[in-house]
Amino acid sequence: MPELIRVNGEEAALEVATVAELVASHVAVEARGIAVALNGAVLPRAKWPETRLTAGDRVEIVRARQGG
């Protein structure tokens, strides 16, 4: 049975090692306006490459959009 995490509220197999790799699999990492929360705490972009994911983690990847 694969290890699982939750990404934006959806259960997903843990197929990458770091937050940076996870973000890259969902959006262009160089994109501006991306924020990540790991287990309910905002994770600074500088920490994405070094932050390892483990089974049971909850990750929210959000992208700011302009609008009114």
N, C-alpha and C. Protein backbone atom coordinates (compact mmCIF):
# COMPACT_ATOMS: atom_id res chain seq x y z
N MET A 1 0.85 -1.18 0.00
CA MET A 1 0.00 0.00 0.00
C MET A 1 0.89 1.25 0.00
N PRO A 2 0.63 2.20 -0.90
CA PRO A 2 1.49 3.39 -0.97
C PRO A 2 1.28 4.32 0.22
N GLU A 3 2.32 5.07 0.55
CA GLU A 3 2.19 6.09 1.59
C GLU A 3 1.37 7.23 1.00
N LEU A 4 0.54 7.84 1.84
CA LEU A 4 -0.38 8.87 1.36
C LEU A 4 -0.16 10.20 2.06
N ILE A 5 -0.44 11.28 1.32
CA ILE A 5 -0.51 12.62 1.86
C ILE A 5 -1.81 13.23 1.36
N ARG A 6 -2.14 14.42 1.87
CA ARG A 6 -3.30 15.15 1.36
C ARG A 6 -2.79 16.42 0.70
N VAL A 7 -3.20 16.65 -0.55
CA VAL A 7 -2.80 17.84 -1.29
C VAL A 7 -4.07 18.57 -1.68
N ASN A 8 -4.21 19.78 -1.17
CA ASN A 8 -5.41 20.59 -1.43
C ASN A 8 -6.68 19.81 -1.12
N GLY A 9 -6.64 19.08 -0.02
CA GLY A 9 -7.82 18.36 0.46
C GLY A 9 -8.04 17.00 -0.18
N GLU A 10 -7.22 16.62 -1.15
CA GLU A 10 -7.38 15.34 -1.84
C GLU A 10 -6.27 14.38 -1.43
N GLU A 11 -6.63 13.14 -1.19
CA GLU A 11 -5.64 12.12 -0.87
C GLU A 11 -4.79 11.84 -2.11
N ALA A 12 -3.46 11.72 -1.91
CA ALA A 12 -2.55 11.46 -3.02
C ALA A 12 -1.42 10.57 -2.55
N ALA A 13 -0.89 9.77 -3.47
CA ALA A 13 0.27 8.94 -3.16
C ALA A 13 1.48 9.84 -2.97
N LEU A 14 2.31 9.49 -2.00
CA LEU A 14 3.54 10.24 -1.75
C LEU A 14 4.59 9.76 -2.75
N GLU A 15 4.76 10.53 -3.83
CA GLU A 15 5.65 10.12 -4.92
C GLU A 15 6.87 11.01 -5.07
N VAL A 16 6.98 12.05 -4.25
CA VAL A 16 8.13 12.96 -4.29
C VAL A 16 8.69 13.10 -2.89
N ALA A 17 9.91 13.61 -2.79
CA ALA A 17 10.57 13.69 -1.49
C ALA A 17 10.37 15.02 -0.78
N THR A 18 10.32 16.12 -1.55
CA THR A 18 10.30 17.44 -0.92
C THR A 18 9.09 18.26 -1.35
N VAL A 19 8.85 19.32 -0.59
CA VAL A 19 7.77 20.24 -0.92
C VAL A 19 8.03 20.87 -2.29
N ALA A 20 9.28 21.24 -2.59
CA ALA A 20 9.60 21.85 -3.89
C ALA A 20 9.22 20.92 -5.03
N GLU A 21 9.50 19.63 -4.89
CA GLU A 21 9.15 18.67 -5.94
C GLU A 21 7.64 18.54 -6.08
N LEU A 22 6.94 18.58 -4.96
CA LEU A 22 5.48 18.49 -5.01
C LEU A 22 4.89 19.71 -5.71
N VAL A 23 5.38 20.90 -5.35
CA VAL A 23 4.88 22.12 -5.99
C VAL A 23 5.15 22.06 -7.49
N ALA A 24 6.35 21.63 -7.88
CA ALA A 24 6.71 21.55 -9.30
C ALA A 24 5.79 20.60 -10.06
N SER A 25 5.28 19.60 -9.38
CA SER A 25 4.39 18.65 -10.06
C SER A 25 2.97 19.21 -10.22
N HIS A 26 2.68 20.32 -9.55
CA HIS A 26 1.34 20.92 -9.63
C HIS A 26 1.30 22.24 -10.38
N VAL A 27 2.35 23.05 -10.24
CA VAL A 27 2.41 24.37 -10.90
C VAL A 27 3.86 24.65 -11.27
N ALA A 28 4.08 25.66 -12.09
CA ALA A 28 5.45 26.08 -12.41
C ALA A 28 6.06 26.70 -11.16
N VAL A 29 7.15 26.13 -10.68
CA VAL A 29 7.76 26.59 -9.43
C VAL A 29 8.17 28.05 -9.51
N GLU A 30 8.59 28.50 -10.68
CA GLU A 30 9.04 29.89 -10.81
C GLU A 30 7.86 30.86 -10.82
N ALA A 31 6.66 30.35 -10.88
CA ALA A 31 5.47 31.21 -10.88
C ALA A 31 5.41 32.03 -9.60
N ARG A 32 5.00 33.26 -9.77
CA ARG A 32 4.87 34.14 -8.61
C ARG A 32 3.49 33.95 -8.00
N GLY A 33 3.36 34.33 -6.74
CA GLY A 33 2.07 34.27 -6.08
C GLY A 33 1.68 32.89 -5.60
N ILE A 34 2.65 31.98 -5.45
CA ILE A 34 2.37 30.64 -4.94
C ILE A 34 2.69 30.62 -3.45
N ALA A 35 1.81 30.05 -2.67
CA ALA A 35 2.04 29.88 -1.24
C ALA A 35 1.76 28.43 -0.88
N VAL A 36 2.49 27.94 0.12
CA VAL A 36 2.33 26.55 0.56
C VAL A 36 2.15 26.53 2.06
N ALA A 37 1.18 25.75 2.51
CA ALA A 37 1.02 25.47 3.94
C ALA A 37 1.24 23.98 4.13
N LEU A 38 2.04 23.64 5.12
CA LEU A 38 2.31 22.25 5.45
C LEU A 38 1.78 21.98 6.84
N ASN A 39 0.82 21.09 6.94
CA ASN A 39 0.20 20.74 8.22
C ASN A 39 -0.31 21.98 8.96
N GLY A 40 -0.89 22.90 8.19
CA GLY A 40 -1.53 24.07 8.78
C GLY A 40 -0.65 25.27 9.00
N ALA A 41 0.65 25.18 8.69
CA ALA A 41 1.57 26.30 8.88
C ALA A 41 2.15 26.73 7.54
N VAL A 42 2.16 28.04 7.29
CA VAL A 42 2.73 28.55 6.05
C VAL A 42 4.22 28.23 6.02
N LEU A 43 4.68 27.73 4.88
CA LEU A 43 6.07 27.34 4.71
C LEU A 43 6.75 28.33 3.76
N PRO A 44 7.76 29.07 4.23
CA PRO A 44 8.45 30.02 3.35
C PRO A 44 9.06 29.32 2.13
N ARG A 45 9.01 29.99 1.00
CA ARG A 45 9.52 29.43 -0.25
C ARG A 45 10.97 28.96 -0.12
N ALA A 46 11.78 29.66 0.63
CA ALA A 46 13.19 29.29 0.80
C ALA A 46 13.35 27.91 1.44
N LYS A 47 12.34 27.45 2.16
CA LYS A 47 12.41 26.15 2.83
C LYS A 47 11.83 25.00 2.00
N TRP A 48 11.18 25.30 0.89
CA TRP A 48 10.57 24.24 0.07
C TRP A 48 11.56 23.15 -0.33
N PRO A 49 12.77 23.51 -0.83
CA PRO A 49 13.69 22.45 -1.30
C PRO A 49 14.20 21.54 -0.19
N GLU A 50 14.28 22.04 1.02
CA GLU A 50 14.85 21.24 2.12
C GLU A 50 13.80 20.55 2.99
N THR A 51 12.53 20.87 2.78
CA THR A 51 11.47 20.30 3.61
C THR A 51 10.98 18.99 3.01
N ARG A 52 11.25 17.92 3.73
CA ARG A 52 10.87 16.58 3.27
C ARG A 52 9.42 16.28 3.65
N LEU A 53 8.75 15.56 2.79
CA LEU A 53 7.37 15.14 3.04
C LEU A 53 7.37 13.75 3.66
N THR A 54 6.38 13.52 4.53
CA THR A 54 6.21 12.20 5.12
C THR A 54 4.74 11.80 5.04
N ALA A 55 4.49 10.52 5.12
CA ALA A 55 3.12 10.02 5.05
C ALA A 55 2.26 10.74 6.08
N GLY A 56 1.06 11.10 5.67
CA GLY A 56 0.12 11.77 6.55
C GLY A 56 0.19 13.29 6.51
N ASP A 57 1.20 13.85 5.84
CA ASP A 57 1.29 15.31 5.74
C ASP A 57 0.09 15.87 5.00
N ARG A 58 -0.29 17.10 5.39
CA ARG A 58 -1.36 17.83 4.71
C ARG A 58 -0.73 19.06 4.07
N VAL A 59 -0.85 19.18 2.76
CA VAL A 59 -0.24 20.27 2.01
C VAL A 59 -1.32 21.04 1.26
N GLU A 60 -1.28 22.35 1.40
CA GLU A 60 -2.17 23.22 0.63
C GLU A 60 -1.28 24.07 -0.28
N ILE A 61 -1.53 24.02 -1.57
CA ILE A 61 -0.81 24.83 -2.54
C ILE A 61 -1.81 25.82 -3.10
N VAL A 62 -1.56 27.10 -2.88
CA VAL A 62 -2.51 28.12 -3.35
C VAL A 62 -1.78 29.11 -4.24
N ARG A 63 -2.52 29.65 -5.18
CA ARG A 63 -1.98 30.63 -6.11
C ARG A 63 -2.85 31.86 -6.06
N ALA A 64 -2.22 33.00 -5.77
CA ALA A 64 -2.96 34.26 -5.72
C ALA A 64 -3.41 34.63 -7.13
N ARG A 65 -4.61 35.13 -7.23
CA ARG A 65 -5.15 35.57 -8.52
C ARG A 65 -5.64 36.99 -8.38
N GLN A 66 -5.44 37.73 -9.44
CA GLN A 66 -5.92 39.09 -9.45
C GLN A 66 -7.41 39.10 -9.78
N GLY A 67 -8.10 39.99 -9.18
CA GLY A 67 -9.52 40.07 -9.48
C GLY A 67 -10.21 41.03 -8.54
N GLY A 68 -11.48 41.10 -8.67
CA GLY A 68 -12.18 42.06 -7.85
C GLY A 68 -13.32 41.47 -7.12
